[in-house]
């Protein structure tokens, strides 16, 4: 399935901040989430998109028009 899975709104929001170069800690501060929760959303999105890294995930999400940084 890979890229055909749709990201949740929160996963897309977190990925948008990843694409803007924010760290896990910074994203947590911006969204008022624990760092572990931010990592959880990133890991879930990586599984859904069949991505091997944050960079790979962001590229795949952008190419699929799932995020717009």
PDB file of N, CA and C in Angstrom:
ATOM      1  N   UNK A   1       0.828  -1.193   0.000  1.00  0.00           N
ATOM      2  CA  UNK A   1       0.000   0.000   0.000  1.00  0.00           C
ATOM      3  C   UNK A   1       0.867   1.248   0.000  1.00  0.00           C
ATOM      4  N   UNK A   2       1.848   1.360   0.897  1.00  0.00           N
ATOM      5  CA  UNK A   2       2.821   2.452   0.904  1.00  0.00           C
ATOM      6  C   UNK A   2       2.209   3.827   0.851  1.00  0.00           C
ATOM      7  N   UNK A   3       2.516   4.584  -0.211  1.00  0.00           N
ATOM      8  CA  UNK A   3       2.090   5.970  -0.347  1.00  0.00           C
ATOM      9  C   UNK A   3       0.599   6.158  -0.518  1.00  0.00           C
ATOM     10  N   UNK A   4      -0.153   5.073  -0.716  1.00  0.00           N
ATOM     11  CA  UNK A   4      -1.586   5.205  -0.885  1.00  0.00           C
ATOM     12  C   UNK A   4      -2.300   5.447   0.438  1.00  0.00           C
ATOM     13  N   UNK A   5      -1.646   5.149   1.546  1.00  0.00           N
ATOM     14  CA  UNK A   5      -2.240   5.397   2.849  1.00  0.00           C
ATOM     15  C   UNK A   5      -2.330   6.896   3.083  1.00  0.00           C
ATOM     16  N   UNK A   6      -3.417   7.312   3.653  1.00  0.00           N
ATOM     17  CA  UNK A   6      -3.597   8.729   3.937  1.00  0.00           C
ATOM     18  C   UNK A   6      -3.088   9.018   5.343  1.00  0.00           C
ATOM     19  N   UNK A   7      -2.374  10.103   5.462  1.00  0.00           N
ATOM     20  CA  UNK A   7      -1.881  10.528   6.767  1.00  0.00           C
ATOM     21  C   UNK A   7      -3.016  11.158   7.556  1.00  0.00           C
ATOM     22  N   UNK A   8      -2.946  11.027   8.874  1.00  0.00           N
ATOM     23  CA  UNK A   8      -3.903  11.743   9.711  1.00  0.00           C
ATOM     24  C   UNK A   8      -3.560  13.226   9.654  1.00  0.00           C
ATOM     25  N   UNK A   9      -4.492  14.055  10.082  1.00  0.00           N
ATOM     26  CA  UNK A   9      -4.235  15.499  10.112  1.00  0.00           C
ATOM     27  C   UNK A   9      -3.017  15.811  10.974  1.00  0.00           C
ATOM     28  N   UNK A  10      -2.905  15.131  12.106  1.00  0.00           N
ATOM     29  CA  UNK A  10      -1.785  15.393  13.019  1.00  0.00           C
ATOM     30  C   UNK A  10      -0.469  14.944  12.405  1.00  0.00           C
ATOM     31  N   UNK A  11      -0.459  13.787  11.755  1.00  0.00           N
ATOM     32  CA  UNK A  11       0.762  13.316  11.090  1.00  0.00           C
ATOM     33  C   UNK A  11       1.202  14.314  10.025  1.00  0.00           C
ATOM     34  N   UNK A  12       0.252  14.807   9.242  1.00  0.00           N
ATOM     35  CA  UNK A  12       0.579  15.789   8.202  1.00  0.00           C
ATOM     36  C   UNK A  12       1.099  17.083   8.825  1.00  0.00           C
ATOM     37  N   UNK A  13       0.500  17.494   9.937  1.00  0.00           N
ATOM     38  CA  UNK A  13       0.941  18.709  10.619  1.00  0.00           C
ATOM     39  C   UNK A  13       2.374  18.550  11.131  1.00  0.00           C
ATOM     40  N   UNK A  14       2.655  17.423  11.761  1.00  0.00           N
ATOM     41  CA  UNK A  14       4.005  17.155  12.257  1.00  0.00           C
ATOM     42  C   UNK A  14       4.992  17.125  11.092  1.00  0.00           C
ATOM     43  N   UNK A  15       4.628  16.456  10.007  1.00  0.00           N
ATOM     44  CA  UNK A  15       5.528  16.366   8.852  1.00  0.00           C
ATOM     45  C   UNK A  15       5.788  17.719   8.214  1.00  0.00           C
ATOM     46  N   UNK A  16       4.798  18.586   8.236  1.00  0.00           N
ATOM     47  CA  UNK A  16       5.007  19.931   7.701  1.00  0.00           C
ATOM     48  C   UNK A  16       6.105  20.637   8.480  1.00  0.00           C
ATOM     49  N   UNK A  17       6.097  20.483   9.798  1.00  0.00           N
ATOM     50  CA  UNK A  17       7.145  21.103  10.618  1.00  0.00           C
ATOM     51  C   UNK A  17       8.493  20.424  10.412  1.00  0.00           C
ATOM     52  N   UNK A  18       8.488  19.105  10.206  1.00  0.00           N
ATOM     53  CA  UNK A  18       9.734  18.396   9.886  1.00  0.00           C
ATOM     54  C   UNK A  18      10.306  18.961   8.588  1.00  0.00           C
ATOM     55  N   UNK A  19       9.441  19.145   7.595  1.00  0.00           N
ATOM     56  CA  UNK A  19       9.875  19.672   6.296  1.00  0.00           C
ATOM     57  C   UNK A  19      10.446  21.080   6.420  1.00  0.00           C
ATOM     58  N   UNK A  20      10.002  21.823   7.423  1.00  0.00           N
ATOM     59  CA  UNK A  20      10.496  23.184   7.652  1.00  0.00           C
ATOM     60  C   UNK A  20      11.782  23.194   8.477  1.00  0.00           C
ATOM     61  N   UNK A  21      12.281  22.002   8.787  1.00  0.00           N
ATOM     62  CA  UNK A  21      13.565  21.897   9.466  1.00  0.00           C
ATOM     63  C   UNK A  21      13.518  21.922  10.983  1.00  0.00           C
ATOM     64  N   UNK A  22      12.350  21.772  11.558  1.00  0.00           N
ATOM     65  CA  UNK A  22      12.223  21.804  13.017  1.00  0.00           C
ATOM     66  C   UNK A  22      12.625  20.462  13.624  1.00  0.00           C
ATOM     67  N   UNK A  23      13.208  20.523  14.802  1.00  0.00           N
ATOM     68  CA  UNK A  23      13.592  19.310  15.531  1.00  0.00           C
ATOM     69  C   UNK A  23      12.364  18.722  16.228  1.00  0.00           C
ATOM     70  N   UNK A  24      12.518  17.514  16.704  1.00  0.00           N
ATOM     71  CA  UNK A  24      11.432  16.862  17.441  1.00  0.00           C
ATOM     72  C   UNK A  24      11.022  17.714  18.634  1.00  0.00           C
ATOM     73  N   UNK A  25      12.004  18.229  19.357  1.00  0.00           N
ATOM     74  CA  UNK A  25      11.714  19.066  20.524  1.00  0.00           C
ATOM     75  C   UNK A  25      10.961  20.329  20.108  1.00  0.00           C
ATOM     76  N   UNK A  26      11.428  20.989  19.047  1.00  0.00           N
ATOM     77  CA  UNK A  26      10.779  22.218  18.581  1.00  0.00           C
ATOM     78  C   UNK A  26       9.338  21.951  18.143  1.00  0.00           C
ATOM     79  N   UNK A  27       9.125  20.861  17.443  1.00  0.00           N
ATOM     80  CA  UNK A  27       7.767  20.515  17.006  1.00  0.00           C
ATOM     81  C   UNK A  27       6.876  20.284  18.223  1.00  0.00           C
ATOM     82  N   UNK A  28       7.410  19.609  19.217  1.00  0.00           N
ATOM     83  CA  UNK A  28       6.660  19.398  20.449  1.00  0.00           C
ATOM     84  C   UNK A  28       6.265  20.704  21.115  1.00  0.00           C
ATOM     85  N   UNK A  29       7.181  21.654  21.136  1.00  0.00           N
ATOM     86  CA  UNK A  29       6.889  22.961  21.728  1.00  0.00           C
ATOM     87  C   UNK A  29       5.825  23.703  20.921  1.00  0.00           C
ATOM     88  N   UNK A  30       5.950  23.677  19.608  1.00  0.00           N
ATOM     89  CA  UNK A  30       5.004  24.374  18.735  1.00  0.00           C
ATOM     90  C   UNK A  30       3.601  23.791  18.864  1.00  0.00           C
ATOM     91  N   UNK A  31       3.511  22.468  18.860  1.00  0.00           N
ATOM     92  CA  UNK A  31       2.208  21.797  18.872  1.00  0.00           C
ATOM     93  C   UNK A  31       1.741  21.410  20.271  1.00  0.00           C
ATOM     94  N   UNK A  32       2.559  21.725  21.266  1.00  0.00           N
ATOM     95  CA  UNK A  32       2.250  21.380  22.660  1.00  0.00           C
ATOM     96  C   UNK A  32       2.054  19.876  22.837  1.00  0.00           C
ATOM     97  N   UNK A  33       3.041  19.136  22.303  1.00  0.00           N
ATOM     98  CA  UNK A  33       3.052  17.681  22.410  1.00  0.00           C
ATOM     99  C   UNK A  33       4.355  17.241  23.057  1.00  0.00           C
ATOM    100  N   UNK A  34       4.333  16.089  23.692  1.00  0.00           N
ATOM    101  CA  UNK A  34       5.569  15.500  24.204  1.00  0.00           C
ATOM    102  C   UNK A  34       6.425  15.065  23.016  1.00  0.00           C
ATOM    103  N   UNK A  35       7.745  15.104  23.190  1.00  0.00           N
ATOM    104  CA  UNK A  35       8.649  14.666  22.120  1.00  0.00           C
ATOM    105  C   UNK A  35       8.309  13.247  21.676  1.00  0.00           C
ATOM    106  N   UNK A  36       7.992  12.388  22.621  1.00  0.00           N
ATOM    107  CA  UNK A  36       7.660  10.995  22.302  1.00  0.00           C
ATOM    108  C   UNK A  36       6.431  10.919  21.395  1.00  0.00           C
ATOM    109  N   UNK A  37       5.467  11.803  21.621  1.00  0.00           N
ATOM    110  CA  UNK A  37       4.268  11.836  20.786  1.00  0.00           C
ATOM    111  C   UNK A  37       4.609  12.285  19.372  1.00  0.00           C
ATOM    112  N   UNK A  38       5.488  13.260  19.252  1.00  0.00           N
ATOM    113  CA  UNK A  38       5.942  13.714  17.934  1.00  0.00           C
ATOM    114  C   UNK A  38       6.611  12.548  17.208  1.00  0.00           C
ATOM    115  N   UNK A  39       7.498  11.845  17.901  1.00  0.00           N
ATOM    116  CA  UNK A  39       8.174  10.691  17.300  1.00  0.00           C
ATOM    117  C   UNK A  39       7.177   9.612  16.891  1.00  0.00           C
ATOM    118  N   UNK A  40       6.158   9.419  17.693  1.00  0.00           N
ATOM    119  CA  UNK A  40       5.113   8.434  17.390  1.00  0.00           C
ATOM    120  C   UNK A  40       4.440   8.764  16.053  1.00  0.00           C
ATOM    121  N   UNK A  41       4.088  10.034  15.867  1.00  0.00           N
ATOM    122  CA  UNK A  41       3.443  10.449  14.618  1.00  0.00           C
ATOM    123  C   UNK A  41       4.384  10.280  13.426  1.00  0.00           C
ATOM    124  N   UNK A  42       5.648  10.604  13.617  1.00  0.00           N
ATOM    125  CA  UNK A  42       6.629  10.450  12.536  1.00  0.00           C
ATOM    126  C   UNK A  42       6.790   8.978  12.178  1.00  0.00           C
ATOM    127  N   UNK A  43       6.923   8.126  13.180  1.00  0.00           N
ATOM    128  CA  UNK A  43       7.089   6.690  12.923  1.00  0.00           C
ATOM    129  C   UNK A  43       5.862   6.091  12.240  1.00  0.00           C
ATOM    130  N   UNK A  44       4.670   6.494  12.672  1.00  0.00           N
ATOM    131  CA  UNK A  44       3.450   6.003  12.018  1.00  0.00           C
ATOM    132  C   UNK A  44       3.413   6.427  10.558  1.00  0.00           C
ATOM    133  N   UNK A  45       3.763   7.677  10.299  1.00  0.00           N
ATOM    134  CA  UNK A  45       3.769   8.180   8.924  1.00  0.00           C
ATOM    135  C   UNK A  45       4.811   7.446   8.085  1.00  0.00           C
ATOM    136  N   UNK A  46       5.986   7.158   8.681  1.00  0.00           N
ATOM    137  CA  UNK A  46       7.023   6.419   7.952  1.00  0.00           C
ATOM    138  C   UNK A  46       6.513   5.043   7.538  1.00  0.00           C
ATOM    139  N   UNK A  47       5.803   4.378   8.433  1.00  0.00           N
ATOM    140  CA  UNK A  47       5.250   3.059   8.112  1.00  0.00           C
ATOM    141  C   UNK A  47       4.211   3.163   6.996  1.00  0.00           C
ATOM    142  N   UNK A  48       3.323   4.132   7.102  1.00  0.00           N
ATOM    143  CA  UNK A  48       2.279   4.305   6.096  1.00  0.00           C
ATOM    144  C   UNK A  48       2.855   4.622   4.720  1.00  0.00           C
ATOM    145  N   UNK A  49       3.930   5.404   4.706  1.00  0.00           N
ATOM    146  CA  UNK A  49       4.518   5.854   3.438  1.00  0.00           C
ATOM    147  C   UNK A  49       5.667   4.961   2.982  1.00  0.00           C
ATOM    148  N   UNK A  50       5.973   3.931   3.764  1.00  0.00           N
ATOM    149  CA  UNK A  50       7.073   3.025   3.442  1.00  0.00           C
ATOM    150  C   UNK A  50       8.377   3.805   3.256  1.00  0.00           C
ATOM    151  N   UNK A  51       8.638   4.709   4.200  1.00  0.00           N
ATOM    152  CA  UNK A  51       9.828   5.565   4.146  1.00  0.00           C
ATOM    153  C   UNK A  51      10.884   5.054   5.120  1.00  0.00           C
ATOM    154  N   UNK A  52      12.140   5.283   4.783  1.00  0.00           N
ATOM    155  CA  UNK A  52      13.247   4.780   5.598  1.00  0.00           C
ATOM    156  C   UNK A  52      13.872   5.839   6.495  1.00  0.00           C
ATOM    157  N   UNK A  53      13.546   7.109   6.280  1.00  0.00           N
ATOM    158  CA  UNK A  53      14.106   8.192   7.090  1.00  0.00           C
ATOM    159  C   UNK A  53      13.138   9.371   7.072  1.00  0.00           C
ATOM    160  N   UNK A  54      13.415  10.360   7.898  1.00  0.00           N
ATOM    161  CA  UNK A  54      12.586  11.569   7.900  1.00  0.00           C
ATOM    162  C   UNK A  54      12.630  12.262   6.542  1.00  0.00           C
ATOM    163  N   UNK A  55      13.827  12.353   5.993  1.00  0.00           N
ATOM    164  CA  UNK A  55      13.978  13.018   4.698  1.00  0.00           C
ATOM    165  C   UNK A  55      13.186  12.279   3.625  1.00  0.00           C
ATOM    166  N   UNK A  56      13.333  10.969   3.601  1.00  0.00           N
ATOM    167  CA  UNK A  56      12.600  10.144   2.641  1.00  0.00           C
ATOM    168  C   UNK A  56      11.098  10.334   2.830  1.00  0.00           C
ATOM    169  N   UNK A  57      10.655  10.379   4.067  1.00  0.00           N
ATOM    170  CA  UNK A  57       9.248  10.568   4.384  1.00  0.00           C
ATOM    171  C   UNK A  57       8.737  11.905   3.867  1.00  0.00           C
ATOM    172  N   UNK A  58       9.471  12.969   4.130  1.00  0.00           N
ATOM    173  CA  UNK A  58       9.052  14.302   3.691  1.00  0.00           C
ATOM    174  C   UNK A  58       8.977  14.365   2.167  1.00  0.00           C
ATOM    175  N   UNK A  59       9.982  13.824   1.492  1.00  0.00           N
ATOM    176  CA  UNK A  59       9.985  13.837   0.023  1.00  0.00           C
ATOM    177  C   UNK A  59       8.776  13.077  -0.519  1.00  0.00           C
ATOM    178  N   UNK A  60       8.523  11.887   0.025  1.00  0.00           N
ATOM    179  CA  UNK A  60       7.389  11.088  -0.451  1.00  0.00           C
ATOM    180  C   UNK A  60       6.060  11.796  -0.183  1.00  0.00           C
ATOM    181  N   UNK A  61       5.923  12.400   0.988  1.00  0.00           N
ATOM    182  CA  UNK A  61       4.684  13.102   1.328  1.00  0.00           C
ATOM    183  C   UNK A  61       4.480  14.318   0.428  1.00  0.00           C
ATOM    184  N   UNK A  62       5.557  15.038   0.128  1.00  0.00           N
ATOM    185  CA  UNK A  62       5.449  16.192  -0.764  1.00  0.00           C
ATOM    186  C   UNK A  62       5.100  15.748  -2.185  1.00  0.00           C
ATOM    187  N   UNK A  63       5.729  14.691  -2.650  1.00  0.00           N
ATOM    188  CA  UNK A  63       5.460  14.200  -4.006  1.00  0.00           C
ATOM    189  C   UNK A  63       4.023  13.695  -4.149  1.00  0.00           C
ATOM    190  N   UNK A  64       3.458  13.210  -3.061  1.00  0.00           N
ATOM    191  CA  UNK A  64       2.076  12.728  -3.064  1.00  0.00           C
ATOM    192  C   UNK A  64       1.082  13.845  -2.734  1.00  0.00           C
ATOM    193  N   UNK A  65       1.587  15.069  -2.594  1.00  0.00           N
ATOM    194  CA  UNK A  65       0.757  16.232  -2.240  1.00  0.00           C
ATOM    195  C   UNK A  65       0.001  16.041  -0.926  1.00  0.00           C
ATOM    196  N   UNK A  66       0.636  15.347   0.020  1.00  0.00           N
ATOM    197  CA  UNK A  66       0.022  15.145   1.332  1.00  0.00           C
ATOM    198  C   UNK A  66       0.397  16.251   2.307  1.00  0.00           C
ATOM    199  N   UNK A  67       1.501  16.940   2.022  1.00  0.00           N
ATOM    200  CA  UNK A  67       1.904  18.091   2.830  1.00  0.00           C
ATOM    201  C   UNK A  67       2.349  19.195   1.890  1.00  0.00           C
ATOM    202  N   UNK A  68       2.269  20.423   2.390  1.00  0.00           N
ATOM    203  CA  UNK A  68       2.680  21.593   1.615  1.00  0.00           C
ATOM    204  C   UNK A  68       3.446  22.531   2.540  1.00  0.00           C
ATOM    205  N   UNK A  69       4.756  22.300   2.644  1.00  0.00           N
ATOM    206  CA  UNK A  69       5.544  23.137   3.553  1.00  0.00           C
ATOM    207  C   UNK A  69       5.647  24.536   3.019  1.00  0.00           C
TER     208      UNK A  69
END
